[in-house]
C-alpha atoms as a PDB file:
ATOM      1  CA  UNK A   1     101.456  48.603  52.386  1.00  0.00           C
ATOM      2  CA  UNK A   2     104.499  46.547  53.350  1.00  0.00           C
ATOM      3  CA  UNK A   3     107.162  45.072  50.971  1.00  0.00           C
ATOM      4  CA  UNK A   4     105.637  41.541  51.273  1.00  0.00           C
ATOM      5  CA  UNK A   5     102.201  42.775  50.367  1.00  0.00           C
ATOM      6  CA  UNK A   6     103.666  44.736  47.446  1.00  0.00           C
ATOM      7  CA  UNK A   7     105.517  41.662  46.235  1.00  0.00           C
ATOM      8  CA  UNK A   8     102.407  39.412  46.765  1.00  0.00           C
ATOM      9  CA  UNK A   9     100.230  41.749  44.785  1.00  0.00           C
ATOM     10  CA  UNK A  10     102.787  42.075  42.043  1.00  0.00           C
ATOM     11  CA  UNK A  11     102.929  38.376  41.695  1.00  0.00           C
ATOM     12  CA  UNK A  12      99.126  38.245  41.616  1.00  0.00           C
ATOM     13  CA  UNK A  13      99.117  40.699  38.718  1.00  0.00           C
ATOM     14  CA  UNK A  14     101.074  38.063  36.661  1.00  0.00           C
ATOM     15  CA  UNK A  15      98.353  35.496  37.241  1.00  0.00           C
ATOM     16  CA  UNK A  16      95.207  36.921  35.768  1.00  0.00           C
ATOM     17  CA  UNK A  17      92.865  34.064  37.140  1.00  0.00           C
ATOM     18  CA  UNK A  18      94.428  34.141  40.587  1.00  0.00           C
ATOM     19  CA  UNK A  19      91.786  34.102  43.403  1.00  0.00           C
ATOM     20  CA  UNK A  20      92.136  37.100  45.625  1.00  0.00           C
ATOM     21  CA  UNK A  21      91.307  37.343  49.308  1.00  0.00           C
ATOM     22  CA  UNK A  22      88.953  39.939  50.659  1.00  0.00           C
ATOM     23  CA  UNK A  23      91.981  41.657  52.091  1.00  0.00           C
ATOM     24  CA  UNK A  24      93.696  41.655  48.661  1.00  0.00           C
ATOM     25  CA  UNK A  25      90.611  43.180  47.080  1.00  0.00           C
ATOM     26  CA  UNK A  26      90.078  45.713  49.866  1.00  0.00           C
ATOM     27  CA  UNK A  27      93.620  46.867  49.453  1.00  0.00           C
ATOM     28  CA  UNK A  28      93.261  47.121  45.624  1.00  0.00           C
ATOM     29  CA  UNK A  29      90.115  49.216  45.963  1.00  0.00           C
ATOM     30  CA  UNK A  30      91.349  51.212  49.030  1.00  0.00           C
ATOM     31  CA  UNK A  31      88.540  50.005  51.049  1.00  0.00           C
ATOM     32  CA  UNK A  32      88.264  48.214  54.470  1.00  0.00           C
ATOM     33  CA  UNK A  33      87.661  44.454  54.259  1.00  0.00           C
ATOM     34  CA  UNK A  34      84.542  45.081  56.406  1.00  0.00           C
ATOM     35  CA  UNK A  35      83.102  47.276  53.608  1.00  0.00           C
ATOM     36  CA  UNK A  36      83.476  44.329  51.149  1.00  0.00           C
ATOM     37  CA  UNK A  37      81.858  42.009  53.778  1.00  0.00           C
ATOM     38  CA  UNK A  38      78.858  44.405  54.119  1.00  0.00           C
ATOM     39  CA  UNK A  39      78.572  44.718  50.389  1.00  0.00           C
ATOM     40  CA  UNK A  40      78.620  40.904  49.950  1.00  0.00           C
ATOM     41  CA  UNK A  41      75.960  40.392  52.561  1.00  0.00           C
ATOM     42  CA  UNK A  42      73.773  43.041  50.816  1.00  0.00           C
ATOM     43  CA  UNK A  43      74.363  41.647  47.343  1.00  0.00           C
ATOM     44  CA  UNK A  44      76.530  44.547  46.384  1.00  0.00           C
ATOM     45  CA  UNK A  45      80.140  44.666  45.343  1.00  0.00           C
ATOM     46  CA  UNK A  46      82.097  42.319  43.078  1.00  0.00           C
ATOM     47  CA  UNK A  47      81.019  38.661  42.653  1.00  0.00           C
ATOM     48  CA  UNK A  48      82.941  36.155  44.701  1.00  0.00           C
ATOM     49  CA  UNK A  49      83.411  32.453  45.086  1.00  0.00           C
ATOM     50  CA  UNK A  50      82.451  30.861  48.323  1.00  0.00           C
ATOM     51  CA  UNK A  51      84.100  27.557  49.179  1.00  0.00           C
ATOM     52  CA  UNK A  52      82.315  24.790  51.283  1.00  0.00           C
ATOM     53  CA  UNK A  53      84.717  25.604  54.109  1.00  0.00           C
ATOM     54  CA  UNK A  54      83.332  29.146  54.214  1.00  0.00           C
ATOM     55  CA  UNK A  55      86.287  30.895  52.631  1.00  0.00           C
ATOM     56  CA  UNK A  56      85.678  33.662  50.171  1.00  0.00           C
ATOM     57  CA  UNK A  57      87.765  34.473  47.133  1.00  0.00           C
ATOM     58  CA  UNK A  58      87.391  36.999  44.407  1.00  0.00           C
ATOM     59  CA  UNK A  59      88.372  36.477  40.773  1.00  0.00           C
ATOM     60  CA  UNK A  60      90.547  39.188  39.443  1.00  0.00           C
ATOM     61  CA  UNK A  61      88.365  39.439  36.183  1.00  0.00           C
ATOM     62  CA  UNK A  62      85.130  39.663  38.240  1.00  0.00           C
ATOM     63  CA  UNK A  63      86.525  42.527  40.336  1.00  0.00           C
ATOM     64  CA  UNK A  64      87.675  44.395  37.174  1.00  0.00           C
ATOM     65  CA  UNK A  65      84.232  43.818  35.568  1.00  0.00           C
ATOM     66  CA  UNK A  66      82.515  45.171  38.629  1.00  0.00           C
ATOM     67  CA  UNK A  67      84.806  48.183  38.560  1.00  0.00           C
ATOM     68  CA  UNK A  68      83.980  48.905  34.892  1.00  0.00           C
ATOM     69  CA  UNK A  69      80.288  48.450  35.444  1.00  0.00           C
ATOM     70  CA  UNK A  70      80.318  51.026  38.270  1.00  0.00           C
ATOM     71  CA  UNK A  71      82.308  53.612  36.167  1.00  0.00           C
ATOM     72  CA  UNK A  72      80.407  56.920  35.934  1.00  0.00           C
ATOM     73  CA  UNK A  73      81.012  59.857  33.657  1.00  0.00           C
ATOM     74  CA  UNK A  74      81.961  63.074  35.262  1.00  0.00           C
END
C-alpha cells in the first residue's frame, strides 16, 4: 500500500457513510478486486450500490455488516 492509498483510506475512516470502490474494499479485506467481482456476480459478498453509469460502490456499514455476518467461532 502506498502513502496516497493510506492517506485516502485514513480519510475514508473519518467518513462512515463514504462510498468505497471495489479496489478500496478489496484492499480492506486483503482480497483481489476480481474476487469481489466474482462474488458480486454470484450474489455473494457485501451488498453494493450500482449506479446507472455502471459504477459500483460499497457502503462502509454494509461491508462491516457482511464481515460480522460471516464471523465464525473457532
